[in-house]
Amino acid sequence: SQPSAFLADRYGKVSNVLAGCSILAVSVAALPYVSSYTSLLAALFPMAIGSTVMHSTPTALTSDLSSTRQRSQALSLLRTSGDTGMVAGAICAGFIASVSSIEHAFLLNSSVLACSTAVFAYAQRLHPSSPAVLHPIQPPHHQQLQHPELMHKATKNEDLNHLSVQKNENKRS
């Protein structure tokens, strides 16, 4: 989404992920205490914001941190692990709600999300991301390519890569 992309470019993708996860964790923890339609909206509005931030930013971060050759594999792994987590989380939350209470299910979900956020933040301190991710003031890649000289270089490199792929395919034939 455009607002989360703007925030990621302005403050960094890592910051976006941390903020989105934190907002989601707090919002999910608030759900058991909802007692009216107004309080439900008060809990769901920040949840929608956190979810919006978390929908696109990890994909952009993964694309930035993976090499061109490994990008499709990295994005597939991100998507598969995310989908698996959604299914496993729903099953676990349903089980906890059936043996305990819906409140415990929401609170456990929030706790897991908060712990995951803390682990991600700690991992970023141990293994800082690339400079493009840590220093978001730099313009995005597509803006850098608007300079005519850089566009010529990018086009030339793409042409060379295309020729190299064709040459390798011809060797296989």
N, C-alpha and C. Protein backbone atom coordinates (compact mmCIF):
# COMPACT_ATOMS: atom_id res chain seq x y z
N SER A 1 0.84 -1.18 0.00
CA SER A 1 0.00 0.00 0.00
C SER A 1 0.88 1.24 0.00
N GLN A 2 0.37 2.32 -0.53
CA GLN A 2 1.17 3.53 -0.66
C GLN A 2 1.57 4.14 0.67
N PRO A 3 0.68 4.22 1.67
CA PRO A 3 1.13 4.81 2.94
C PRO A 3 2.26 4.01 3.60
N SER A 4 2.16 2.68 3.58
CA SER A 4 3.23 1.90 4.21
C SER A 4 4.51 1.97 3.40
N ALA A 5 4.40 2.07 2.08
CA ALA A 5 5.60 2.22 1.25
C ALA A 5 6.28 3.56 1.54
N PHE A 6 5.48 4.61 1.70
CA PHE A 6 6.04 5.92 2.06
C PHE A 6 6.77 5.84 3.40
N LEU A 7 6.14 5.20 4.39
CA LEU A 7 6.76 5.08 5.71
C LEU A 7 8.03 4.25 5.64
N ALA A 8 8.01 3.19 4.85
CA ALA A 8 9.21 2.35 4.71
C ALA A 8 10.35 3.12 4.06
N ASP A 9 10.02 3.93 3.05
CA ASP A 9 11.07 4.74 2.40
C ASP A 9 11.57 5.83 3.34
N ARG A 10 10.70 6.37 4.14
CA ARG A 10 11.05 7.49 5.02
C ARG A 10 11.82 7.02 6.26
N TYR A 11 11.33 5.94 6.90
CA TYR A 11 11.91 5.52 8.18
C TYR A 11 12.66 4.18 8.12
N GLY A 12 12.56 3.48 7.03
CA GLY A 12 13.26 2.21 6.88
C GLY A 12 12.31 1.03 7.01
N LYS A 13 12.61 -0.01 6.28
CA LYS A 13 11.74 -1.19 6.27
C LYS A 13 11.79 -1.93 7.60
N VAL A 14 12.95 -1.99 8.21
CA VAL A 14 13.06 -2.67 9.51
C VAL A 14 12.20 -1.95 10.55
N SER A 15 12.26 -0.63 10.56
CA SER A 15 11.43 0.14 11.49
C SER A 15 9.95 -0.09 11.22
N ASN A 16 9.57 -0.20 9.96
CA ASN A 16 8.19 -0.47 9.59
C ASN A 16 7.72 -1.82 10.12
N VAL A 17 8.56 -2.84 9.95
CA VAL A 17 8.21 -4.17 10.43
C VAL A 17 8.05 -4.15 11.96
N LEU A 18 8.98 -3.53 12.63
CA LEU A 18 8.90 -3.46 14.10
C LEU A 18 7.66 -2.70 14.57
N ALA A 19 7.37 -1.59 13.92
CA ALA A 19 6.19 -0.80 14.29
C ALA A 19 4.91 -1.57 13.99
N GLY A 20 4.83 -2.18 12.82
CA GLY A 20 3.64 -2.95 12.45
C GLY A 20 3.37 -4.10 13.40
N CYS A 21 4.41 -4.86 13.73
CA CYS A 21 4.26 -5.99 14.67
C CYS A 21 3.86 -5.49 16.06
N SER A 22 4.45 -4.42 16.50
CA SER A 22 4.13 -3.88 17.83
C SER A 22 2.68 -3.41 17.89
N ILE A 23 2.24 -2.71 16.86
CA ILE A 23 0.85 -2.25 16.82
C ILE A 23 -0.11 -3.44 16.81
N LEU A 24 0.22 -4.45 16.02
CA LEU A 24 -0.63 -5.64 15.97
C LEU A 24 -0.69 -6.35 17.33
N ALA A 25 0.46 -6.49 17.98
CA ALA A 25 0.50 -7.18 19.28
C ALA A 25 -0.37 -6.46 20.31
N VAL A 26 -0.27 -5.15 20.37
CA VAL A 26 -1.07 -4.37 21.33
C VAL A 26 -2.56 -4.47 20.99
N SER A 27 -2.88 -4.37 19.70
CA SER A 27 -4.28 -4.43 19.28
C SER A 27 -4.91 -5.79 19.59
N VAL A 28 -4.18 -6.86 19.33
CA VAL A 28 -4.70 -8.20 19.62
C VAL A 28 -4.87 -8.39 21.12
N ALA A 29 -3.94 -7.85 21.90
CA ALA A 29 -4.05 -7.96 23.37
C ALA A 29 -5.26 -7.18 23.89
N ALA A 30 -5.68 -6.15 23.19
CA ALA A 30 -6.83 -5.35 23.62
C ALA A 30 -8.16 -6.03 23.32
N LEU A 31 -8.21 -6.94 22.37
CA LEU A 31 -9.48 -7.54 21.94
C LEU A 31 -10.26 -8.24 23.06
N PRO A 32 -9.63 -8.95 23.98
CA PRO A 32 -10.43 -9.59 25.04
C PRO A 32 -11.15 -8.60 25.95
N TYR A 33 -10.73 -7.37 25.95
CA TYR A 33 -11.31 -6.37 26.85
C TYR A 33 -12.35 -5.50 26.16
N VAL A 34 -12.70 -5.83 24.94
CA VAL A 34 -13.70 -5.09 24.19
C VAL A 34 -15.07 -5.36 24.80
N SER A 35 -15.80 -4.27 25.08
CA SER A 35 -17.12 -4.44 25.68
C SER A 35 -18.22 -3.70 24.93
N SER A 36 -17.83 -2.97 23.87
CA SER A 36 -18.83 -2.24 23.09
C SER A 36 -18.34 -2.12 21.65
N TYR A 37 -19.24 -1.68 20.82
CA TYR A 37 -18.91 -1.47 19.42
C TYR A 37 -17.81 -0.41 19.28
N THR A 38 -17.87 0.62 20.08
CA THR A 38 -16.86 1.69 20.03
C THR A 38 -15.49 1.16 20.44
N SER A 39 -15.45 0.36 21.49
CA SER A 39 -14.15 -0.19 21.92
C SER A 39 -13.63 -1.21 20.91
N LEU A 40 -14.54 -1.91 20.23
CA LEU A 40 -14.11 -2.83 19.18
C LEU A 40 -13.45 -2.05 18.04
N LEU A 41 -14.07 -0.96 17.63
CA LEU A 41 -13.47 -0.11 16.59
C LEU A 41 -12.13 0.46 17.05
N ALA A 42 -12.04 0.83 18.32
CA ALA A 42 -10.80 1.37 18.86
C ALA A 42 -9.68 0.33 18.84
N ALA A 43 -10.03 -0.94 18.95
CA ALA A 43 -9.02 -2.01 18.89
C ALA A 43 -8.72 -2.40 17.44
N LEU A 44 -9.75 -2.39 16.59
CA LEU A 44 -9.56 -2.85 15.21
C LEU A 44 -8.90 -1.82 14.31
N PHE A 45 -9.08 -0.53 14.59
CA PHE A 45 -8.47 0.50 13.75
C PHE A 45 -6.94 0.41 13.76
N PRO A 46 -6.30 0.39 14.95
CA PRO A 46 -4.83 0.24 14.92
C PRO A 46 -4.41 -1.13 14.39
N MET A 47 -5.26 -2.16 14.59
CA MET A 47 -4.94 -3.47 14.05
C MET A 47 -4.89 -3.41 12.52
N ALA A 48 -5.81 -2.69 11.93
CA ALA A 48 -5.82 -2.54 10.47
C ALA A 48 -4.57 -1.80 9.99
N ILE A 49 -4.15 -0.80 10.73
CA ILE A 49 -2.93 -0.06 10.36
C ILE A 49 -1.71 -0.98 10.46
N GLY A 50 -1.59 -1.70 11.56
CA GLY A 50 -0.46 -2.62 11.72
C GLY A 50 -0.46 -3.71 10.67
N SER A 51 -1.63 -4.20 10.34
CA SER A 51 -1.75 -5.24 9.32
C SER A 51 -1.37 -4.71 7.94
N THR A 52 -1.76 -3.49 7.65
CA THR A 52 -1.41 -2.88 6.37
C THR A 52 0.10 -2.71 6.24
N VAL A 53 0.72 -2.27 7.30
CA VAL A 53 2.18 -2.11 7.29
C VAL A 53 2.86 -3.47 7.13
N MET A 54 2.31 -4.47 7.79
CA MET A 54 2.93 -5.79 7.75
C MET A 54 2.62 -6.57 6.48
N HIS A 55 1.69 -6.10 5.68
CA HIS A 55 1.33 -6.84 4.48
C HIS A 55 2.40 -6.72 3.39
N SER A 56 2.93 -5.54 3.19
CA SER A 56 3.86 -5.34 2.08
C SER A 56 5.32 -5.16 2.49
N THR A 57 5.57 -4.66 3.67
CA THR A 57 6.95 -4.34 4.06
C THR A 57 7.87 -5.56 4.13
N PRO A 58 7.46 -6.69 4.71
CA PRO A 58 8.38 -7.84 4.71
C PRO A 58 8.76 -8.31 3.31
N THR A 59 7.85 -8.19 2.37
CA THR A 59 8.17 -8.57 0.99
C THR A 59 9.23 -7.64 0.42
N ALA A 60 9.07 -6.35 0.64
CA ALA A 60 10.06 -5.39 0.15
C ALA A 60 11.41 -5.59 0.85
N LEU A 61 11.38 -5.85 2.14
CA LEU A 61 12.61 -6.08 2.90
C LEU A 61 13.33 -7.34 2.40
N THR A 62 12.58 -8.39 2.17
CA THR A 62 13.16 -9.64 1.66
C THR A 62 13.76 -9.42 0.29
N SER A 63 13.08 -8.66 -0.55
CA SER A 63 13.62 -8.36 -1.89
C SER A 63 14.92 -7.57 -1.80
N ASP A 64 14.98 -6.63 -0.88
CA ASP A 64 16.20 -5.84 -0.70
C ASP A 64 17.37 -6.67 -0.21
N LEU A 65 17.10 -7.62 0.67
CA LEU A 65 18.17 -8.35 1.32
C LEU A 65 18.61 -9.61 0.58
N SER A 66 17.87 -10.02 -0.43
CA SER A 66 18.24 -11.23 -1.17
C SER A 66 18.88 -10.84 -2.50
N SER A 67 19.76 -11.71 -2.96
CA SER A 67 20.40 -11.46 -4.25
C SER A 67 19.38 -11.70 -5.36
N THR A 68 19.70 -11.20 -6.53
CA THR A 68 18.79 -11.36 -7.67
C THR A 68 18.53 -12.83 -7.95
N ARG A 69 19.54 -13.65 -7.85
CA ARG A 69 19.41 -15.08 -8.14
C ARG A 69 18.56 -15.79 -7.09
N GLN A 70 18.60 -15.33 -5.85
CA GLN A 70 17.88 -16.01 -4.78
C GLN A 70 16.56 -15.34 -4.41
N ARG A 71 16.22 -14.27 -5.09
CA ARG A 71 15.03 -13.50 -4.71
C ARG A 71 13.75 -14.31 -4.79
N SER A 72 13.53 -15.05 -5.86
CA SER A 72 12.28 -15.80 -5.98
C SER A 72 12.18 -16.87 -4.90
N GLN A 73 13.30 -17.52 -4.58
CA GLN A 73 13.31 -18.52 -3.52
C GLN A 73 13.05 -17.87 -2.16
N ALA A 74 13.66 -16.72 -1.92
CA ALA A 74 13.47 -16.02 -0.65
C ALA A 74 12.02 -15.57 -0.48
N LEU A 75 11.43 -15.05 -1.55
CA LEU A 75 10.03 -14.60 -1.48
C LEU A 75 9.08 -15.79 -1.31
N SER A 76 9.40 -16.90 -1.96
CA SER A 76 8.58 -18.11 -1.78
C SER A 76 8.65 -18.61 -0.35
N LEU A 77 9.84 -18.59 0.23
CA LEU A 77 10.00 -19.01 1.62
C LEU A 77 9.26 -18.08 2.57
N LEU A 78 9.35 -16.77 2.32
CA LEU A 78 8.63 -15.80 3.13
C LEU A 78 7.13 -16.07 3.08
N ARG A 79 6.61 -16.25 1.88
CA ARG A 79 5.16 -16.46 1.72
C ARG A 79 4.72 -17.78 2.34
N THR A 80 5.49 -18.84 2.11
CA THR A 80 5.13 -20.15 2.64
C THR A 80 5.16 -20.15 4.16
N SER A 81 6.20 -19.56 4.74
CA SER A 81 6.28 -19.53 6.21
C SER A 81 5.17 -18.66 6.79
N GLY A 82 4.84 -17.56 6.12
CA GLY A 82 3.74 -16.71 6.59
C GLY A 82 2.40 -17.42 6.54
N ASP A 83 2.14 -18.12 5.43
CA ASP A 83 0.88 -18.87 5.30
C ASP A 83 0.81 -20.02 6.30
N THR A 84 1.93 -20.70 6.49
CA THR A 84 1.97 -21.80 7.46
C THR A 84 1.72 -21.27 8.87
N GLY A 85 2.31 -20.12 9.19
CA GLY A 85 2.09 -19.51 10.50
C GLY A 85 0.64 -19.11 10.71
N MET A 86 0.00 -18.61 9.66
CA MET A 86 -1.41 -18.22 9.77
C MET A 86 -2.29 -19.44 10.06
N VAL A 87 -2.02 -20.54 9.37
CA VAL A 87 -2.81 -21.75 9.58
C VAL A 87 -2.54 -22.34 10.96
N ALA A 88 -1.26 -22.47 11.31
CA ALA A 88 -0.91 -23.03 12.62
C ALA A 88 -1.42 -22.14 13.75
N GLY A 89 -1.32 -20.83 13.58
CA GLY A 89 -1.81 -19.91 14.60
C GLY A 89 -3.30 -20.03 14.82
N ALA A 90 -4.06 -20.15 13.72
CA ALA A 90 -5.51 -20.30 13.84
C ALA A 90 -5.89 -21.60 14.53
N ILE A 91 -5.18 -22.66 14.20
CA ILE A 91 -5.45 -23.96 14.84
C ILE A 91 -5.14 -23.89 16.33
N CYS A 92 -3.98 -23.33 16.67
CA CYS A 92 -3.59 -23.21 18.08
C CYS A 92 -4.55 -22.31 18.85
N ALA A 93 -4.92 -21.18 18.26
CA ALA A 93 -5.85 -20.27 18.93
C ALA A 93 -7.20 -20.93 19.14
N GLY A 94 -7.67 -21.66 18.15
CA GLY A 94 -8.94 -22.38 18.30
C GLY A 94 -8.88 -23.43 19.39
N PHE A 95 -7.77 -24.15 19.44
CA PHE A 95 -7.61 -25.17 20.48
C PHE A 95 -7.57 -24.53 21.87
N ILE A 96 -6.79 -23.47 22.02
CA ILE A 96 -6.69 -22.79 23.32
C ILE A 96 -8.05 -22.22 23.73
N ALA A 97 -8.76 -21.65 22.78
CA ALA A 97 -10.09 -21.10 23.09
C ALA A 97 -11.05 -22.21 23.52
N SER A 98 -10.92 -23.41 22.93
CA SER A 98 -11.84 -24.50 23.29
C SER A 98 -11.52 -25.13 24.64
N VAL A 99 -10.24 -25.15 25.02
CA VAL A 99 -9.89 -25.77 26.31
C VAL A 99 -9.79 -24.74 27.44
N SER A 100 -9.65 -23.48 27.08
CA SER A 100 -9.52 -22.45 28.11
C SER A 100 -10.56 -21.36 27.88
N SER A 101 -10.15 -20.30 27.17
CA SER A 101 -11.08 -19.22 26.86
C SER A 101 -10.58 -18.45 25.65
N ILE A 102 -11.48 -17.72 25.04
CA ILE A 102 -11.10 -16.89 23.89
C ILE A 102 -10.13 -15.80 24.32
N GLU A 103 -10.27 -15.32 25.54
CA GLU A 103 -9.37 -14.30 26.06
C GLU A 103 -7.94 -14.81 26.11
N HIS A 104 -7.78 -16.06 26.60
CA HIS A 104 -6.44 -16.64 26.66
C HIS A 104 -5.86 -16.83 25.25
N ALA A 105 -6.71 -17.20 24.31
CA ALA A 105 -6.24 -17.38 22.93
C ALA A 105 -5.71 -16.06 22.36
N PHE A 106 -6.45 -14.97 22.57
CA PHE A 106 -5.99 -13.67 22.08
C PHE A 106 -4.71 -13.23 22.79
N LEU A 107 -4.66 -13.42 24.09
CA LEU A 107 -3.48 -12.98 24.84
C LEU A 107 -2.24 -13.80 24.46
N LEU A 108 -2.42 -15.10 24.23
CA LEU A 108 -1.28 -15.92 23.79
C LEU A 108 -0.83 -15.49 22.40
N ASN A 109 -1.78 -15.23 21.52
CA ASN A 109 -1.45 -14.77 20.17
C ASN A 109 -0.66 -13.46 20.24
N SER A 110 -1.11 -12.55 21.07
CA SER A 110 -0.42 -11.27 21.24
C SER A 110 0.98 -11.48 21.81
N SER A 111 1.11 -12.39 22.75
CA SER A 111 2.42 -12.66 23.35
C SER A 111 3.39 -13.25 22.34
N VAL A 112 2.91 -14.17 21.52
CA VAL A 112 3.77 -14.75 20.48
C VAL A 112 4.21 -13.68 19.49
N LEU A 113 3.29 -12.81 19.12
CA LEU A 113 3.62 -11.72 18.20
C LEU A 113 4.64 -10.76 18.82
N ALA A 114 4.45 -10.44 20.10
CA ALA A 114 5.40 -9.55 20.79
C ALA A 114 6.77 -10.20 20.90
N CYS A 115 6.82 -11.48 21.21
CA CYS A 115 8.11 -12.19 21.30
C CYS A 115 8.79 -12.25 19.93
N SER A 116 8.01 -12.50 18.88
CA SER A 116 8.58 -12.52 17.53
C SER A 116 9.16 -11.17 17.16
N THR A 117 8.47 -10.12 17.55
CA THR A 117 8.97 -8.76 17.29
C THR A 117 10.29 -8.53 18.02
N ALA A 118 10.35 -8.96 19.26
CA ALA A 118 11.58 -8.80 20.04
C ALA A 118 12.73 -9.60 19.44
N VAL A 119 12.46 -10.80 18.99
CA VAL A 119 13.50 -11.63 18.36
C VAL A 119 13.98 -10.97 17.06
N PHE A 120 13.06 -10.44 16.27
CA PHE A 120 13.44 -9.75 15.03
C PHE A 120 14.30 -8.53 15.34
N ALA A 121 13.90 -7.76 16.35
CA ALA A 121 14.67 -6.57 16.73
C ALA A 121 16.07 -6.96 17.20
N TYR A 122 16.16 -8.01 18.00
CA TYR A 122 17.45 -8.48 18.49
C TYR A 122 18.32 -8.98 17.34
N ALA A 123 17.71 -9.71 16.40
CA ALA A 123 18.46 -10.22 15.25
C ALA A 123 19.00 -9.07 14.41
N GLN A 124 18.25 -7.98 14.31
CA GLN A 124 18.72 -6.82 13.56
C GLN A 124 19.93 -6.17 14.22
N ARG A 125 19.97 -6.26 15.53
CA ARG A 125 21.14 -5.70 16.24
C ARG A 125 22.37 -6.58 16.03
N LEU A 126 22.16 -7.91 15.99
CA LEU A 126 23.28 -8.83 15.78
C LEU A 126 23.79 -8.81 14.35
N HIS A 127 22.86 -8.76 13.41
CA HIS A 127 23.19 -8.80 11.99
C HIS A 127 22.48 -7.66 11.28
N PRO A 128 23.03 -6.47 11.35
CA PRO A 128 22.37 -5.33 10.70
C PRO A 128 22.14 -5.59 9.22
N SER A 129 21.06 -5.04 8.73
CA SER A 129 20.69 -5.20 7.33
C SER A 129 21.61 -4.37 6.44
N SER A 130 21.34 -4.42 5.17
CA SER A 130 22.14 -3.69 4.20
C SER A 130 22.01 -2.18 4.43
N PRO A 131 22.96 -1.40 3.95
CA PRO A 131 22.90 0.05 4.12
C PRO A 131 21.62 0.67 3.53
N ALA A 132 21.11 0.11 2.45
CA ALA A 132 19.89 0.65 1.85
C ALA A 132 18.70 0.54 2.80
N VAL A 133 18.71 -0.47 3.64
CA VAL A 133 17.62 -0.68 4.58
C VAL A 133 17.82 0.18 5.82
N LEU A 134 19.06 0.29 6.27
CA LEU A 134 19.35 1.03 7.49
C LEU A 134 19.33 2.54 7.29
N HIS A 135 19.60 2.99 6.10
CA HIS A 135 19.65 4.43 5.82
C HIS A 135 18.56 4.79 4.82
N PRO A 136 17.33 4.92 5.28
CA PRO A 136 16.20 5.09 4.37
C PRO A 136 16.13 6.46 3.70
N ILE A 137 16.98 7.38 4.07
CA ILE A 137 16.93 8.71 3.47
C ILE A 137 17.31 8.65 1.99
N GLN A 138 18.10 7.63 1.59
CA GLN A 138 18.46 7.49 0.19
C GLN A 138 17.19 7.28 -0.63
N PRO A 139 17.14 7.82 -1.84
CA PRO A 139 15.94 7.61 -2.66
C PRO A 139 15.82 6.14 -3.06
N PRO A 140 14.60 5.67 -3.26
CA PRO A 140 14.42 4.29 -3.71
C PRO A 140 15.12 4.06 -5.04
N HIS A 141 15.39 2.80 -5.35
CA HIS A 141 16.13 2.41 -6.54
C HIS A 141 15.50 2.99 -7.82
N HIS A 142 14.17 2.94 -7.93
CA HIS A 142 13.54 3.42 -9.16
C HIS A 142 13.73 4.92 -9.35
N GLN A 143 13.89 5.68 -8.27
CA GLN A 143 14.14 7.11 -8.42
C GLN A 143 15.59 7.37 -8.84
N GLN A 144 16.51 6.53 -8.39
CA GLN A 144 17.90 6.69 -8.77
C GLN A 144 18.07 6.45 -10.27
N LEU A 145 17.25 5.58 -10.83
CA LEU A 145 17.39 5.25 -12.24
C LEU A 145 16.81 6.32 -13.17
N GLN A 146 16.21 7.35 -12.63
CA GLN A 146 15.65 8.39 -13.47
C GLN A 146 16.75 9.28 -14.07
N HIS A 147 17.93 9.23 -13.51
CA HIS A 147 19.03 9.99 -14.07
C HIS A 147 19.42 9.34 -15.40
N PRO A 148 19.54 10.11 -16.50
CA PRO A 148 19.77 9.53 -17.83
C PRO A 148 21.01 8.64 -17.90
N GLU A 149 22.11 9.04 -17.26
CA GLU A 149 23.32 8.24 -17.32
C GLU A 149 23.13 6.90 -16.62
N LEU A 150 22.45 6.92 -15.47
CA LEU A 150 22.20 5.68 -14.75
C LEU A 150 21.21 4.80 -15.50
N MET A 151 20.24 5.40 -16.16
CA MET A 151 19.28 4.61 -16.94
C MET A 151 20.00 3.90 -18.08
N HIS A 152 20.95 4.59 -18.71
CA HIS A 152 21.71 3.98 -19.81
C HIS A 152 22.50 2.79 -19.28
N LYS A 153 23.15 2.98 -18.13
CA LYS A 153 23.92 1.89 -17.53
C LYS A 153 23.02 0.72 -17.17
N ALA A 154 21.86 1.00 -16.57
CA ALA A 154 20.94 -0.07 -16.18
C ALA A 154 20.45 -0.82 -17.40
N THR A 155 20.10 -0.08 -18.47
CA THR A 155 19.63 -0.72 -19.70
C THR A 155 20.74 -1.56 -20.31
N LYS A 156 21.95 -1.04 -20.31
CA LYS A 156 23.08 -1.77 -20.86
C LYS A 156 23.32 -3.07 -20.06
N ASN A 157 23.27 -2.98 -18.73
CA ASN A 157 23.45 -4.17 -17.91
C ASN A 157 22.34 -5.19 -18.14
N GLU A 158 21.08 -4.72 -18.26
CA GLU A 158 19.98 -5.63 -18.53
C GLU A 158 20.17 -6.31 -19.88
N ASP A 159 20.63 -5.54 -20.89
CA ASP A 159 20.88 -6.12 -22.21
C ASP A 159 21.97 -7.17 -22.13
N LEU A 160 23.04 -6.89 -21.39
CA LEU A 160 24.13 -7.86 -21.24
C LEU A 160 23.65 -9.11 -20.51
N ASN A 161 22.85 -8.94 -19.47
CA ASN A 161 22.31 -10.09 -18.76
C ASN A 161 21.41 -10.92 -19.66
N HIS A 162 20.59 -10.26 -20.47
CA HIS A 162 19.70 -10.96 -21.39
C HIS A 162 20.51 -11.75 -22.41
N LEU A 163 21.57 -11.13 -22.97
CA LEU A 163 22.42 -11.82 -23.94
C LEU A 163 23.11 -13.01 -23.30
N SER A 164 23.54 -12.86 -22.06
CA SER A 164 24.21 -13.94 -21.35
C SER A 164 23.26 -15.12 -21.15
N VAL A 165 22.01 -14.85 -20.80
CA VAL A 165 21.03 -15.91 -20.62
C VAL A 165 20.76 -16.61 -21.94
N GLN A 166 20.62 -15.83 -23.04
CA GLN A 166 20.39 -16.42 -24.35
C GLN A 166 21.57 -17.30 -24.76
N LYS A 167 22.77 -16.84 -24.50
CA LYS A 167 23.97 -17.58 -24.86
C LYS A 167 24.03 -18.92 -24.12
N ASN A 168 23.69 -18.89 -22.82
CA ASN A 168 23.66 -20.12 -22.03
C ASN A 168 22.58 -21.07 -22.51
N GLU A 169 21.43 -20.54 -22.90
CA GLU A 169 20.35 -21.39 -23.41
C GLU A 169 20.75 -22.02 -24.73
N ASN A 170 21.47 -21.27 -25.58
CA ASN A 170 21.91 -21.82 -26.86
C ASN A 170 22.94 -22.93 -26.67
N LYS A 171 23.78 -22.81 -25.64
CA LYS A 171 24.78 -23.84 -25.35
C LYS A 171 24.11 -25.14 -24.94
N ARG A 172 23.00 -25.04 -24.21
CA ARG A 172 22.28 -26.22 -23.74
C ARG A 172 21.59 -26.95 -24.88
N SER A 173 21.22 -26.21 -25.92
CA SER A 173 20.46 -26.81 -27.04
C SER A 173 21.33 -27.67 -27.91
